[in-house]
Amino acid sequence: MNKIKDKNKDPLANLFTELPQEKLSGNFRANMMQLVRQEEVRLKKKNRVWGIIGIILGCICMAGATVYTVIHINWEGYQLPALWWSPDFIRYSYFMFPAIILLFLDYQLRRLYRKKHAKDTD
């Protein structure tokens, strides 16, 4: 009967009762916060590395698709569109120039945003 009670007894209970009760050091909170910050920095670095790996893999896939397409195009009978000397150039430029202006504005606004919020990411 005594052996059955011993089997049901929690093996960790004895270990916890044997541990001495120690007081926490005065800078325990500061040490824990430092550990939390270090873990946060580690996770940010890890996510940044995975982001870079994803970008590199995406670029490799796009470059591979481009090379595959260029190799398998039937170049005979292929003509470039006569954009610059066609009367439709005005119609094309109507769409190209605003797109270029919008891309330039997007670039400038992103630079301004990063400059303003650079302190938040550090």
PDB file of N, CA and C in Angstrom:
ATOM      1  N   MET A   1       0.827  -1.198   0.000  1.00  0.00           N
ATOM      2  CA  MET A   1       0.000   0.000   0.000  1.00  0.00           C
ATOM      3  C   MET A   1       0.865   1.254   0.000  1.00  0.00           C
ATOM      4  N   ASN A   2       1.972   1.177   0.707  1.00  0.00           N
ATOM      5  CA  ASN A   2       2.878   2.310   0.806  1.00  0.00           C
ATOM      6  C   ASN A   2       3.534   2.606  -0.545  1.00  0.00           C
ATOM      7  N   LYS A   3       3.779   1.557  -1.341  1.00  0.00           N
ATOM      8  CA  LYS A   3       4.388   1.747  -2.650  1.00  0.00           C
ATOM      9  C   LYS A   3       3.441   2.470  -3.607  1.00  0.00           C
ATOM     10  N   ILE A   4       2.164   2.240  -3.497  1.00  0.00           N
ATOM     11  CA  ILE A   4       1.170   2.911  -4.349  1.00  0.00           C
ATOM     12  C   ILE A   4       1.161   4.403  -4.053  1.00  0.00           C
ATOM     13  N   LYS A   5       1.252   4.787  -2.798  1.00  0.00           N
ATOM     14  CA  LYS A   5       1.283   6.207  -2.439  1.00  0.00           C
ATOM     15  C   LYS A   5       2.547   6.868  -2.978  1.00  0.00           C
ATOM     16  N   ASP A   6       3.656   6.144  -2.956  1.00  0.00           N
ATOM     17  CA  ASP A   6       4.905   6.700  -3.465  1.00  0.00           C
ATOM     18  C   ASP A   6       4.849   6.923  -4.972  1.00  0.00           C
ATOM     19  N   LYS A   7       4.145   6.046  -5.699  1.00  0.00           N
ATOM     20  CA  LYS A   7       4.033   6.192  -7.146  1.00  0.00           C
ATOM     21  C   LYS A   7       3.183   7.409  -7.508  1.00  0.00           C
ATOM     22  N   ASN A   8       2.150   7.696  -6.744  1.00  0.00           N
ATOM     23  CA  ASN A   8       1.266   8.823  -7.031  1.00  0.00           C
ATOM     24  C   ASN A   8       1.865  10.160  -6.585  1.00  0.00           C
ATOM     25  N   LYS A   9       2.906  10.108  -5.779  1.00  0.00           N
ATOM     26  CA  LYS A   9       3.511  11.325  -5.255  1.00  0.00           C
ATOM     27  C   LYS A   9       4.274  12.050  -6.364  1.00  0.00           C
ATOM     28  N   ASP A  10       4.186  13.358  -6.385  1.00  0.00           N
ATOM     29  CA  ASP A  10       4.845  14.176  -7.404  1.00  0.00           C
ATOM     30  C   ASP A  10       6.349  14.174  -7.163  1.00  0.00           C
ATOM     31  N   PRO A  11       7.157  13.791  -8.144  1.00  0.00           N
ATOM     32  CA  PRO A  11       8.612  13.738  -7.930  1.00  0.00           C
ATOM     33  C   PRO A  11       9.228  15.132  -7.794  1.00  0.00           C
ATOM     34  N   LEU A  12       8.598  16.147  -8.349  1.00  0.00           N
ATOM     35  CA  LEU A  12       9.153  17.490  -8.236  1.00  0.00           C
ATOM     36  C   LEU A  12       8.852  18.153  -6.901  1.00  0.00           C
ATOM     37  N   ALA A  13       7.883  17.624  -6.191  1.00  0.00           N
ATOM     38  CA  ALA A  13       7.518  18.234  -4.914  1.00  0.00           C
ATOM     39  C   ALA A  13       8.690  18.192  -3.939  1.00  0.00           C
ATOM     40  N   ASN A  14       9.405  17.078  -3.896  1.00  0.00           N
ATOM     41  CA  ASN A  14      10.567  16.974  -3.005  1.00  0.00           C
ATOM     42  C   ASN A  14      11.659  17.955  -3.408  1.00  0.00           C
ATOM     43  N   LEU A  15      11.870  18.103  -4.706  1.00  0.00           N
ATOM     44  CA  LEU A  15      12.917  19.008  -5.171  1.00  0.00           C
ATOM     45  C   LEU A  15      12.599  20.464  -4.800  1.00  0.00           C
ATOM     46  N   PHE A  16      11.347  20.856  -4.944  1.00  0.00           N
ATOM     47  CA  PHE A  16      10.980  22.233  -4.615  1.00  0.00           C
ATOM     48  C   PHE A  16      11.049  22.505  -3.112  1.00  0.00           C
ATOM     49  N   THR A  17      10.756  21.507  -2.328  1.00  0.00           N
ATOM     50  CA  THR A  17      10.851  21.713  -0.882  1.00  0.00           C
ATOM     51  C   THR A  17      12.301  21.780  -0.420  1.00  0.00           C
ATOM     52  N   GLU A  18      13.213  21.160  -1.149  1.00  0.00           N
ATOM     53  CA  GLU A  18      14.626  21.189  -0.775  1.00  0.00           C
ATOM     54  C   GLU A  18      15.328  22.473  -1.198  1.00  0.00           C
ATOM     55  N   LEU A  19      14.754  23.218  -2.149  1.00  0.00           N
ATOM     56  CA  LEU A  19      15.387  24.465  -2.602  1.00  0.00           C
ATOM     57  C   LEU A  19      15.347  25.513  -1.497  1.00  0.00           C
ATOM     58  N   PRO A  20      16.467  26.192  -1.263  1.00  0.00           N
ATOM     59  CA  PRO A  20      16.454  27.250  -0.235  1.00  0.00           C
ATOM     60  C   PRO A  20      15.714  28.486  -0.761  1.00  0.00           C
ATOM     61  N   GLN A  21      15.009  29.155   0.131  1.00  0.00           N
ATOM     62  CA  GLN A  21      14.301  30.378  -0.227  1.00  0.00           C
ATOM     63  C   GLN A  21      15.291  31.529  -0.206  1.00  0.00           C
ATOM     64  N   GLU A  22      15.550  32.124  -1.375  1.00  0.00           N
ATOM     65  CA  GLU A  22      16.484  33.230  -1.473  1.00  0.00           C
ATOM     66  C   GLU A  22      15.728  34.505  -1.814  1.00  0.00           C
ATOM     67  N   LYS A  23      16.232  35.588  -1.296  1.00  0.00           N
ATOM     68  CA  LYS A  23      15.654  36.878  -1.657  1.00  0.00           C
ATOM     69  C   LYS A  23      16.223  37.306  -3.001  1.00  0.00           C
ATOM     70  N   LEU A  24      15.393  38.012  -3.754  1.00  0.00           N
ATOM     71  CA  LEU A  24      15.843  38.501  -5.050  1.00  0.00           C
ATOM     72  C   LEU A  24      16.764  39.696  -4.860  1.00  0.00           C
ATOM     73  N   SER A  25      17.696  39.837  -5.775  1.00  0.00           N
ATOM     74  CA  SER A  25      18.633  40.952  -5.674  1.00  0.00           C
ATOM     75  C   SER A  25      17.908  42.273  -5.949  1.00  0.00           C
ATOM     76  N   GLY A  26      18.523  43.357  -5.559  1.00  0.00           N
ATOM     77  CA  GLY A  26      17.911  44.669  -5.710  1.00  0.00           C
ATOM     78  C   GLY A  26      17.747  45.088  -7.159  1.00  0.00           C
ATOM     79  N   ASN A  27      18.627  44.630  -8.030  1.00  0.00           N
ATOM     80  CA  ASN A  27      18.540  45.017  -9.435  1.00  0.00           C
ATOM     81  C   ASN A  27      17.926  43.900 -10.293  1.00  0.00           C
ATOM     82  N   PHE A  28      17.087  43.086  -9.680  1.00  0.00           N
ATOM     83  CA  PHE A  28      16.467  41.976 -10.404  1.00  0.00           C
ATOM     84  C   PHE A  28      15.617  42.482 -11.561  1.00  0.00           C
ATOM     85  N   ARG A  29      14.817  43.516 -11.327  1.00  0.00           N
ATOM     86  CA  ARG A  29      13.969  44.054 -12.394  1.00  0.00           C
ATOM     87  C   ARG A  29      14.807  44.610 -13.540  1.00  0.00           C
ATOM     88  N   ALA A  30      15.859  45.324 -13.204  1.00  0.00           N
ATOM     89  CA  ALA A  30      16.726  45.889 -14.244  1.00  0.00           C
ATOM     90  C   ALA A  30      17.365  44.770 -15.065  1.00  0.00           C
ATOM     91  N   ASN A  31      17.803  43.718 -14.390  1.00  0.00           N
ATOM     92  CA  ASN A  31      18.394  42.587 -15.104  1.00  0.00           C
ATOM     93  C   ASN A  31      17.380  41.904 -16.015  1.00  0.00           C
ATOM     94  N   MET A  32      16.158  41.729 -15.522  1.00  0.00           N
ATOM     95  CA  MET A  32      15.123  41.088 -16.335  1.00  0.00           C
ATOM     96  C   MET A  32      14.758  41.959 -17.539  1.00  0.00           C
ATOM     97  N   MET A  33      14.653  43.271 -17.337  1.00  0.00           N
ATOM     98  CA  MET A  33      14.342  44.165 -18.454  1.00  0.00           C
ATOM     99  C   MET A  33      15.469  44.138 -19.487  1.00  0.00           C
ATOM    100  N   GLN A  34      16.688  44.053 -19.026  1.00  0.00           N
ATOM    101  CA  GLN A  34      17.817  43.972 -19.954  1.00  0.00           C
ATOM    102  C   GLN A  34      17.740  42.674 -20.768  1.00  0.00           C
ATOM    103  N   LEU A  35      17.384  41.583 -20.117  1.00  0.00           N
ATOM    104  CA  LEU A  35      17.228  40.317 -20.838  1.00  0.00           C
ATOM    105  C   LEU A  35      16.098  40.390 -21.859  1.00  0.00           C
ATOM    106  N   VAL A  36      14.998  41.048 -21.473  1.00  0.00           N
ATOM    107  CA  VAL A  36      13.869  41.199 -22.397  1.00  0.00           C
ATOM    108  C   VAL A  36      14.281  42.035 -23.608  1.00  0.00           C
ATOM    109  N   ARG A  37      15.017  43.113 -23.368  1.00  0.00           N
ATOM    110  CA  ARG A  37      15.483  43.956 -24.485  1.00  0.00           C
ATOM    111  C   ARG A  37      16.435  43.191 -25.393  1.00  0.00           C
ATOM    112  N   GLN A  38      17.320  42.401 -24.810  1.00  0.00           N
ATOM    113  CA  GLN A  38      18.240  41.610 -25.619  1.00  0.00           C
ATOM    114  C   GLN A  38      17.490  40.594 -26.474  1.00  0.00           C
ATOM    115  N   GLU A  39      16.465  40.000 -25.911  1.00  0.00           N
ATOM    116  CA  GLU A  39      15.650  39.046 -26.670  1.00  0.00           C
ATOM    117  C   GLU A  39      14.914  39.755 -27.804  1.00  0.00           C
ATOM    118  N   GLU A  40      14.426  40.961 -27.539  1.00  0.00           N
ATOM    119  CA  GLU A  40      13.733  41.737 -28.570  1.00  0.00           C
ATOM    120  C   GLU A  40      14.684  42.077 -29.719  1.00  0.00           C
ATOM    121  N   VAL A  41      15.907  42.478 -29.387  1.00  0.00           N
ATOM    122  CA  VAL A  41      16.900  42.794 -30.419  1.00  0.00           C
ATOM    123  C   VAL A  41      17.241  41.548 -31.224  1.00  0.00           C
ATOM    124  N   ARG A  42      17.347  40.421 -30.534  1.00  0.00           N
ATOM    125  CA  ARG A  42      17.656  39.166 -31.225  1.00  0.00           C
ATOM    126  C   ARG A  42      16.550  38.800 -32.211  1.00  0.00           C
ATOM    127  N   LEU A  43      15.293  38.963 -31.790  1.00  0.00           N
ATOM    128  CA  LEU A  43      14.174  38.644 -32.676  1.00  0.00           C
ATOM    129  C   LEU A  43      14.108  39.603 -33.868  1.00  0.00           C
ATOM    130  N   LYS A  44      14.412  40.881 -33.637  1.00  0.00           N
ATOM    131  CA  LYS A  44      14.419  41.837 -34.747  1.00  0.00           C
ATOM    132  C   LYS A  44      15.488  41.472 -35.772  1.00  0.00           C
ATOM    133  N   LYS A  45      16.665  41.088 -35.289  1.00  0.00           N
ATOM    134  CA  LYS A  45      17.740  40.684 -36.202  1.00  0.00           C
ATOM    135  C   LYS A  45      17.341  39.438 -36.982  1.00  0.00           C
ATOM    136  N   LYS A  46      16.713  38.496 -36.288  1.00  0.00           N
ATOM    137  CA  LYS A  46      16.283  37.266 -36.936  1.00  0.00           C
ATOM    138  C   LYS A  46      15.257  37.560 -38.023  1.00  0.00           C
ATOM    139  N   ASN A  47      14.283  38.426 -37.724  1.00  0.00           N
ATOM    140  CA  ASN A  47      13.271  38.776 -38.720  1.00  0.00           C
ATOM    141  C   ASN A  47      13.889  39.529 -39.882  1.00  0.00           C
ATOM    142  N   ARG A  48      14.865  40.386 -39.607  1.00  0.00           N
ATOM    143  CA  ARG A  48      15.528  41.128 -40.676  1.00  0.00           C
ATOM    144  C   ARG A  48      16.280  40.163 -41.592  1.00  0.00           C
ATOM    145  N   VAL A  49      16.943  39.177 -41.008  1.00  0.00           N
ATOM    146  CA  VAL A  49      17.681  38.203 -41.822  1.00  0.00           C
ATOM    147  C   VAL A  49      16.708  37.414 -42.699  1.00  0.00           C
ATOM    148  N   TRP A  50      15.591  36.980 -42.134  1.00  0.00           N
ATOM    149  CA  TRP A  50      14.616  36.231 -42.931  1.00  0.00           C
ATOM    150  C   TRP A  50      14.015  37.100 -44.022  1.00  0.00           C
ATOM    151  N   GLY A  51      13.820  38.388 -43.748  1.00  0.00           N
ATOM    152  CA  GLY A  51      13.327  39.300 -44.774  1.00  0.00           C
ATOM    153  C   GLY A  51      14.310  39.434 -45.921  1.00  0.00           C
ATOM    154  N   ILE A  52      15.587  39.556 -45.585  1.00  0.00           N
ATOM    155  CA  ILE A  52      16.613  39.666 -46.624  1.00  0.00           C
ATOM    156  C   ILE A  52      16.694  38.378 -47.435  1.00  0.00           C
ATOM    157  N   ILE A  53      16.607  37.247 -46.757  1.00  0.00           N
ATOM    158  CA  ILE A  53      16.629  35.962 -47.472  1.00  0.00           C
ATOM    159  C   ILE A  53      15.436  35.871 -48.418  1.00  0.00           C
ATOM    160  N   GLY A  54      14.270  36.310 -47.979  1.00  0.00           N
ATOM    161  CA  GLY A  54      13.092  36.299 -48.842  1.00  0.00           C
ATOM    162  C   GLY A  54      13.254  37.194 -50.056  1.00  0.00           C
ATOM    163  N   ILE A  55      13.833  38.369 -49.853  1.00  0.00           N
ATOM    164  CA  ILE A  55      14.052  39.282 -50.974  1.00  0.00           C
ATOM    165  C   ILE A  55      15.030  38.668 -51.972  1.00  0.00           C
ATOM    166  N   ILE A  56      16.104  38.080 -51.461  1.00  0.00           N
ATOM    167  CA  ILE A  56      17.098  37.465 -52.352  1.00  0.00           C
ATOM    168  C   ILE A  56      16.475  36.314 -53.138  1.00  0.00           C
ATOM    169  N   LEU A  57      15.685  35.473 -52.467  1.00  0.00           N
ATOM    170  CA  LEU A  57      15.044  34.358 -53.172  1.00  0.00           C
ATOM    171  C   LEU A  57      14.052  34.855 -54.209  1.00  0.00           C
ATOM    172  N   GLY A  58      13.312  35.908 -53.882  1.00  0.00           N
ATOM    173  CA  GLY A  58      12.381  36.482 -54.863  1.00  0.00           C
ATOM    174  C   GLY A  58      13.108  37.030 -56.074  1.00  0.00           C
ATOM    175  N   CYS A  59      14.225  37.710 -55.842  1.00  0.00           N
ATOM    176  CA  CYS A  59      15.021  38.242 -56.959  1.00  0.00           C
ATOM    177  C   CYS A  59      15.578  37.121 -57.824  1.00  0.00           C
ATOM    178  N   ILE A  60      16.041  36.053 -57.189  1.00  0.00           N
ATOM    179  CA  ILE A  60      16.573  34.923 -57.948  1.00  0.00           C
ATOM    180  C   ILE A  60      15.476  34.290 -58.794  1.00  0.00           C
ATOM    181  N   CYS A  61      14.275  34.141 -58.217  1.00  0.00           N
ATOM    182  CA  CYS A  61      13.158  33.561 -58.975  1.00  0.00           C
ATOM    183  C   CYS A  61      12.780  34.449 -60.154  1.00  0.00           C
ATOM    184  N   MET A  62      12.720  35.754 -59.934  1.00  0.00           N
ATOM    185  CA  MET A  62      12.368  36.662 -61.041  1.00  0.00           C
ATOM    186  C   MET A  62      13.452  36.659 -62.117  1.00  0.00           C
ATOM    187  N   ALA A  63      14.718  36.645 -61.701  1.00  0.00           N
ATOM    188  CA  ALA A  63      15.801  36.605 -62.690  1.00  0.00           C
ATOM    189  C   ALA A  63      15.762  35.294 -63.468  1.00  0.00           C
ATOM    190  N   GLY A  64      15.484  34.204 -62.782  1.00  0.00           N
ATOM    191  CA  GLY A  64      15.371  32.918 -63.472  1.00  0.00           C
ATOM    192  C   GLY A  64      14.218  32.892 -64.459  1.00  0.00           C
ATOM    193  N   ALA A  65      13.081  33.453 -64.066  1.00  0.00           N
ATOM    194  CA  ALA A  65      11.946  33.511 -64.980  1.00  0.00           C
ATOM    195  C   ALA A  65      12.266  34.384 -66.189  1.00  0.00           C
ATOM    196  N   THR A  66      12.991  35.473 -65.957  1.00  0.00           N
ATOM    197  CA  THR A  66      13.369  36.350 -67.062  1.00  0.00           C
ATOM    198  C   THR A  66      14.314  35.644 -68.022  1.00  0.00           C
ATOM    199  N   VAL A  67      15.321  34.976 -67.487  1.00  0.00           N
ATOM    200  CA  VAL A  67      16.271  34.252 -68.343  1.00  0.00           C
ATOM    201  C   VAL A  67      15.551  33.157 -69.112  1.00  0.00           C
ATOM    202  N   TYR A  68      14.681  32.430 -68.444  1.00  0.00           N
ATOM    203  CA  TYR A  68      13.924  31.373 -69.118  1.00  0.00           C
ATOM    204  C   TYR A  68      13.084  31.945 -70.252  1.00  0.00           C
ATOM    205  N   THR A  69      12.434  33.077 -70.000  1.00  0.00           N
ATOM    206  CA  THR A  69      11.595  33.693 -71.022  1.00  0.00           C
ATOM    207  C   THR A  69      12.426  34.179 -72.201  1.00  0.00           C
ATOM    208  N   VAL A  70      13.557  34.820 -71.913  1.00  0.00           N
ATOM    209  CA  VAL A  70      14.403  35.338 -72.993  1.00  0.00           C
ATOM    210  C   VAL A  70      14.956  34.202 -73.835  1.00  0.00           C
ATOM    211  N   ILE A  71      15.318  33.098 -73.210  1.00  0.00           N
ATOM    212  CA  ILE A  71      15.878  31.972 -73.962  1.00  0.00           C
ATOM    213  C   ILE A  71      14.822  31.345 -74.866  1.00  0.00           C
ATOM    214  N   HIS A  72      13.600  31.274 -74.408  1.00  0.00           N
ATOM    215  CA  HIS A  72      12.570  30.566 -75.152  1.00  0.00           C
ATOM    216  C   HIS A  72      11.695  31.461 -76.024  1.00  0.00           C
ATOM    217  N   ILE A  73      12.028  32.728 -76.171  1.00  0.00           N
ATOM    218  CA  ILE A  73      11.261  33.608 -77.066  1.00  0.00           C
ATOM    219  C   ILE A  73      11.660  33.308 -78.505  1.00  0.00           C
ATOM    220  N   ASN A  74      10.707  33.326 -79.353  1.00  0.00           N
ATOM    221  CA  ASN A  74      10.987  33.181 -80.774  1.00  0.00           C
ATOM    222  C   ASN A  74      11.364  34.563 -81.306  1.00  0.00           C
ATOM    223  N   TRP A  75      12.672  34.818 -81.457  1.00  0.00           N
ATOM    224  CA  TRP A  75      13.144  36.150 -81.818  1.00  0.00           C
ATOM    225  C   TRP A  75      12.892  36.465 -83.294  1.00  0.00           C
ATOM    226  N   GLU A  76      12.689  35.470 -84.106  1.00  0.00           N
ATOM    227  CA  GLU A  76      12.433  35.733 -85.525  1.00  0.00           C
ATOM    228  C   GLU A  76      11.022  36.286 -85.677  1.00  0.00           C
ATOM    229  N   GLY A  77      10.917  37.342 -86.374  1.00  0.00           N
ATOM    230  CA  GLY A  77       9.615  37.952 -86.600  1.00  0.00           C
ATOM    231  C   GLY A  77       9.166  38.847 -85.460  1.00  0.00           C
ATOM    232  N   TYR A  78      10.012  39.030 -84.468  1.00  0.00           N
ATOM    233  CA  TYR A  78       9.657  39.890 -83.338  1.00  0.00           C
ATOM    234  C   TYR A  78      10.131  41.305 -83.634  1.00  0.00           C
ATOM    235  N   GLN A  79       9.234  42.269 -83.488  1.00  0.00           N
ATOM    236  CA  GLN A  79       9.588  43.667 -83.714  1.00  0.00           C
ATOM    237  C   GLN A  79       9.256  44.477 -82.481  1.00  0.00           C
ATOM    238  N   LEU A  80      10.148  45.395 -82.160  1.00  0.00           N
ATOM    239  CA  LEU A  80       9.852  46.319 -81.075  1.00  0.00           C
ATOM    240  C   LEU A  80       8.798  47.307 -81.535  1.00  0.00           C
ATOM    241  N   PRO A  81       7.914  47.726 -80.654  1.00  0.00           N
ATOM    242  CA  PRO A  81       6.918  48.710 -81.059  1.00  0.00           C
ATOM    243  C   PRO A  81       7.594  50.033 -81.414  1.00  0.00           C
ATOM    244  N   ALA A  82       7.101  50.657 -82.431  1.00  0.00           N
ATOM    245  CA  ALA A  82       7.678  51.928 -82.896  1.00  0.00           C
ATOM    246  C   ALA A  82       7.093  53.064 -82.069  1.00  0.00           C
ATOM    247  N   LEU A  83       7.458  53.089 -80.793  1.00  0.00           N
ATOM    248  CA  LEU A  83       6.862  54.049 -79.866  1.00  0.00           C
ATOM    249  C   LEU A  83       7.314  55.470 -80.143  1.00  0.00           C
ATOM    250  N   TRP A  84       8.607  55.663 -80.357  1.00  0.00           N
ATOM    251  CA  TRP A  84       9.125  57.027 -80.431  1.00  0.00           C
ATOM    252  C   TRP A  84       8.755  57.728 -81.729  1.00  0.00           C
ATOM    253  N   TRP A  85       8.563  56.993 -82.763  1.00  0.00           N
ATOM    254  CA  TRP A  85       8.258  57.665 -84.028  1.00  0.00           C
ATOM    255  C   TRP A  85       6.812  57.469 -84.470  1.00  0.00           C
ATOM    256  N   SER A  86       5.991  56.963 -83.587  1.00  0.00           N
ATOM    257  CA  SER A  86       4.590  56.772 -83.947  1.00  0.00           C
ATOM    258  C   SER A  86       3.760  57.967 -83.481  1.00  0.00           C
ATOM    259  N   PRO A  87       2.628  58.196 -84.109  1.00  0.00           N
ATOM    260  CA  PRO A  87       1.763  59.291 -83.665  1.00  0.00           C
ATOM    261  C   PRO A  87       1.112  59.010 -82.307  1.00  0.00           C
ATOM    262  N   ASP A  88       1.204  57.774 -81.820  1.00  0.00           N
ATOM    263  CA  ASP A  88       0.617  57.433 -80.527  1.00  0.00           C
ATOM    264  C   ASP A  88       1.517  57.807 -79.361  1.00  0.00           C
ATOM    265  N   PHE A  89       2.684  58.368 -79.659  1.00  0.00           N
ATOM    266  CA  PHE A  89       3.613  58.730 -78.591  1.00  0.00           C
ATOM    267  C   PHE A  89       2.984  59.713 -77.616  1.00  0.00           C
ATOM    268  N   ILE A  90       2.186  60.626 -78.118  1.00  0.00           N
ATOM    269  CA  ILE A  90       1.538  61.620 -77.242  1.00  0.00           C
ATOM    270  C   ILE A  90       0.584  60.913 -76.281  1.00  0.00           C
ATOM    271  N   ARG A  91      -0.115  59.929 -76.784  1.00  0.00           N
ATOM    272  CA  ARG A  91      -1.025  59.193 -75.928  1.00  0.00           C
ATOM    273  C   ARG A  91      -0.253  58.392 -74.879  1.00  0.00           C
ATOM    274  N   TYR A  92       0.859  57.772 -75.249  1.00  0.00           N
ATOM    275  CA  TYR A  92       1.671  57.038 -74.292  1.00  0.00           C
ATOM    276  C   TYR A  92       2.286  57.974 -73.260  1.00  0.00           C
ATOM    277  N   SER A  93       2.778  59.113 -73.709  1.00  0.00           N
ATOM    278  CA  SER A  93       3.419  60.048 -72.780  1.00  0.00           C
ATOM    279  C   SER A  93       2.409  60.610 -71.782  1.00  0.00           C
ATOM    280  N   TYR A  94       1.155  60.682 -72.188  1.00  0.00           N
ATOM    281  CA  TYR A  94       0.113  61.151 -71.278  1.00  0.00           C
ATOM    282  C   TYR A  94       0.047  60.268 -70.029  1.00  0.00           C
ATOM    283  N   PHE A  95       0.340  58.985 -70.193  1.00  0.00           N
ATOM    284  CA  PHE A  95       0.332  58.071 -69.056  1.00  0.00           C
ATOM    285  C   PHE A  95       1.708  57.917 -68.419  1.00  0.00           C
ATOM    286  N   MET A  96       2.771  58.041 -69.189  1.00  0.00           N
ATOM    287  CA  MET A  96       4.114  57.822 -68.657  1.00  0.00           C
ATOM    288  C   MET A  96       4.560  58.945 -67.724  1.00  0.00           C
ATOM    289  N   PHE A  97       4.389  60.191 -68.146  1.00  0.00           N
ATOM    290  CA  PHE A  97       4.925  61.293 -67.356  1.00  0.00           C
ATOM    291  C   PHE A  97       4.254  61.435 -65.987  1.00  0.00           C
ATOM    292  N   PRO A  98       2.937  61.350 -65.890  1.00  0.00           N
ATOM    293  CA  PRO A  98       2.353  61.378 -64.527  1.00  0.00           C
ATOM    294  C   PRO A  98       2.814  60.204 -63.667  1.00  0.00           C
ATOM    295  N   ALA A  99       3.028  59.038 -64.290  1.00  0.00           N
ATOM    296  CA  ALA A  99       3.507  57.890 -63.519  1.00  0.00           C
ATOM    297  C   ALA A  99       4.913  58.156 -62.993  1.00  0.00           C
ATOM    298  N   ILE A 100       5.758  58.745 -63.801  1.00  0.00           N
ATOM    299  CA  ILE A 100       7.118  59.074 -63.364  1.00  0.00           C
ATOM    300  C   ILE A 100       7.078  60.108 -62.243  1.00  0.00           C
ATOM    301  N   ILE A 101       6.216  61.095 -62.370  1.00  0.00           N
ATOM    302  CA  ILE A 101       6.093  62.123 -61.326  1.00  0.00           C
ATOM    303  C   ILE A 101       5.594  61.491 -60.019  1.00  0.00           C
ATOM    304  N   LEU A 102       4.612  60.602 -60.118  1.00  0.00           N
ATOM    305  CA  LEU A 102       4.104  59.944 -58.915  1.00  0.00           C
ATOM    306  C   LEU A 102       5.169  59.068 -58.257  1.00  0.00           C
ATOM    307  N   LEU A 103       5.961  58.366 -59.046  1.00  0.00           N
ATOM    308  CA  LEU A 103       7.043  57.567 -58.473  1.00  0.00           C
ATOM    309  C   LEU A 103       8.067  58.444 -57.777  1.00  0.00           C
ATOM    310  N   PHE A 104       8.408  59.585 -58.367  1.00  0.00           N
ATOM    311  CA  PHE A 104       9.353  60.499 -57.751  1.00  0.00           C
ATOM    312  C   PHE A 104       8.798  61.052 -56.439  1.00  0.00           C
ATOM    313  N   LEU A 105       7.518  61.428 -56.427  1.00  0.00           N
ATOM    314  CA  LEU A 105       6.900  61.922 -55.196  1.00  0.00           C
ATOM    315  C   LEU A 105       6.861  60.844 -54.121  1.00  0.00           C
ATOM    316  N   ASP A 106       6.576  59.618 -54.513  1.00  0.00           N
ATOM    317  CA  ASP A 106       6.577  58.510 -53.566  1.00  0.00           C
ATOM    318  C   ASP A 106       7.961  58.337 -52.945  1.00  0.00           C
ATOM    319  N   TYR A 107       8.989  58.410 -53.759  1.00  0.00           N
ATOM    320  CA  TYR A 107      10.359  58.292 -53.271  1.00  0.00           C
ATOM    321  C   TYR A 107      10.681  59.408 -52.272  1.00  0.00           C
ATOM    322  N   GLN A 108      10.321  60.641 -52.604  1.00  0.00           N
ATOM    323  CA  GLN A 108      10.621  61.769 -51.725  1.00  0.00           C
ATOM    324  C   GLN A 108       9.860  61.666 -50.400  1.00  0.00           C
ATOM    325  N   LEU A 109       8.598  61.266 -50.456  1.00  0.00           N
ATOM    326  CA  LEU A 109       7.810  61.135 -49.233  1.00  0.00           C
ATOM    327  C   LEU A 109       8.337  60.014 -48.338  1.00  0.00           C
ATOM    328  N   ARG A 110       8.764  58.931 -48.943  1.00  0.00           N
ATOM    329  CA  ARG A 110       9.340  57.841 -48.139  1.00  0.00           C
ATOM    330  C   ARG A 110      10.637  58.285 -47.467  1.00  0.00           C
ATOM    331  N   ARG A 111      11.468  59.035 -48.189  1.00  0.00           N
ATOM    332  CA  ARG A 111      12.701  59.566 -47.584  1.00  0.00           C
ATOM    333  C   ARG A 111      12.376  60.470 -46.413  1.00  0.00           C
ATOM    334  N   LEU A 112      11.393  61.350 -46.583  1.00  0.00           N
ATOM    335  CA  LEU A 112      11.000  62.265 -45.521  1.00  0.00           C
ATOM    336  C   LEU A 112      10.471  61.491 -44.312  1.00  0.00           C
ATOM    337  N   TYR A 113       9.654  60.473 -44.554  1.00  0.00           N
ATOM    338  CA  TYR A 113       9.095  59.662 -43.468  1.00  0.00           C
ATOM    339  C   TYR A 113      10.206  58.945 -42.704  1.00  0.00           C
ATOM    340  N   ARG A 114      11.154  58.355 -43.436  1.00  0.00           N
ATOM    341  CA  ARG A 114      12.248  57.643 -42.767  1.00  0.00           C
ATOM    342  C   ARG A 114      13.123  58.590 -41.963  1.00  0.00           C
ATOM    343  N   LYS A 115      13.313  59.796 -42.467  1.00  0.00           N
ATOM    344  CA  LYS A 115      14.127  60.769 -41.747  1.00  0.00           C
ATOM    345  C   LYS A 115      13.438  61.194 -40.454  1.00  0.00           C
ATOM    346  N   LYS A 116      12.116  61.381 -40.511  1.00  0.00           N
ATOM    347  CA  LYS A 116      11.368  61.788 -39.326  1.00  0.00           C
ATOM    348  C   LYS A 116      11.311  60.697 -38.270  1.00  0.00           C
ATOM    349  N   HIS A 117      11.140  59.473 -38.710  1.00  0.00           N
ATOM    350  CA  HIS A 117      10.933  58.360 -37.787  1.00  0.00           C
ATOM    351  C   HIS A 117      12.176  57.508 -37.593  1.00  0.00           C
ATOM    352  N   ALA A 118      13.328  58.024 -37.914  1.00  0.00           N
ATOM    353  CA  ALA A 118      14.560  57.257 -37.734  1.00  0.00           C
ATOM    354  C   ALA A 118      14.855  57.010 -36.263  1.00  0.00           C
ATOM    355  N   LYS A 119      14.474  57.934 -35.389  1.00  0.00           N
ATOM    356  CA  LYS A 119      14.730  57.779 -33.961  1.00  0.00           C
ATOM    357  C   LYS A 119      13.878  56.681 -33.349  1.00  0.00           C
ATOM    358  N   ASP A 120      12.692  56.444 -33.913  1.00  0.00           N
ATOM    359  CA  ASP A 120      11.808  55.407 -33.367  1.00  0.00           C
ATOM    360  C   ASP A 120      12.365  54.007 -33.573  1.00  0.00           C
ATOM    361  N   THR A 121      13.071  53.771 -34.668  1.00  0.00           N
ATOM    362  CA  THR A 121      13.554  52.424 -34.962  1.00  0.00           C
ATOM    363  C   THR A 121      14.866  52.108 -34.257  1.00  0.00           C
ATOM    364  N   ASP A 122      15.595  53.120 -33.802  1.00  0.00           N
ATOM    365  CA  ASP A 122      16.877  52.876 -33.123  1.00  0.00           C
ATOM    366  C   ASP A 122      16.696  52.441 -31.698  1.00  0.00           C
TER     367      ASP A 122
END
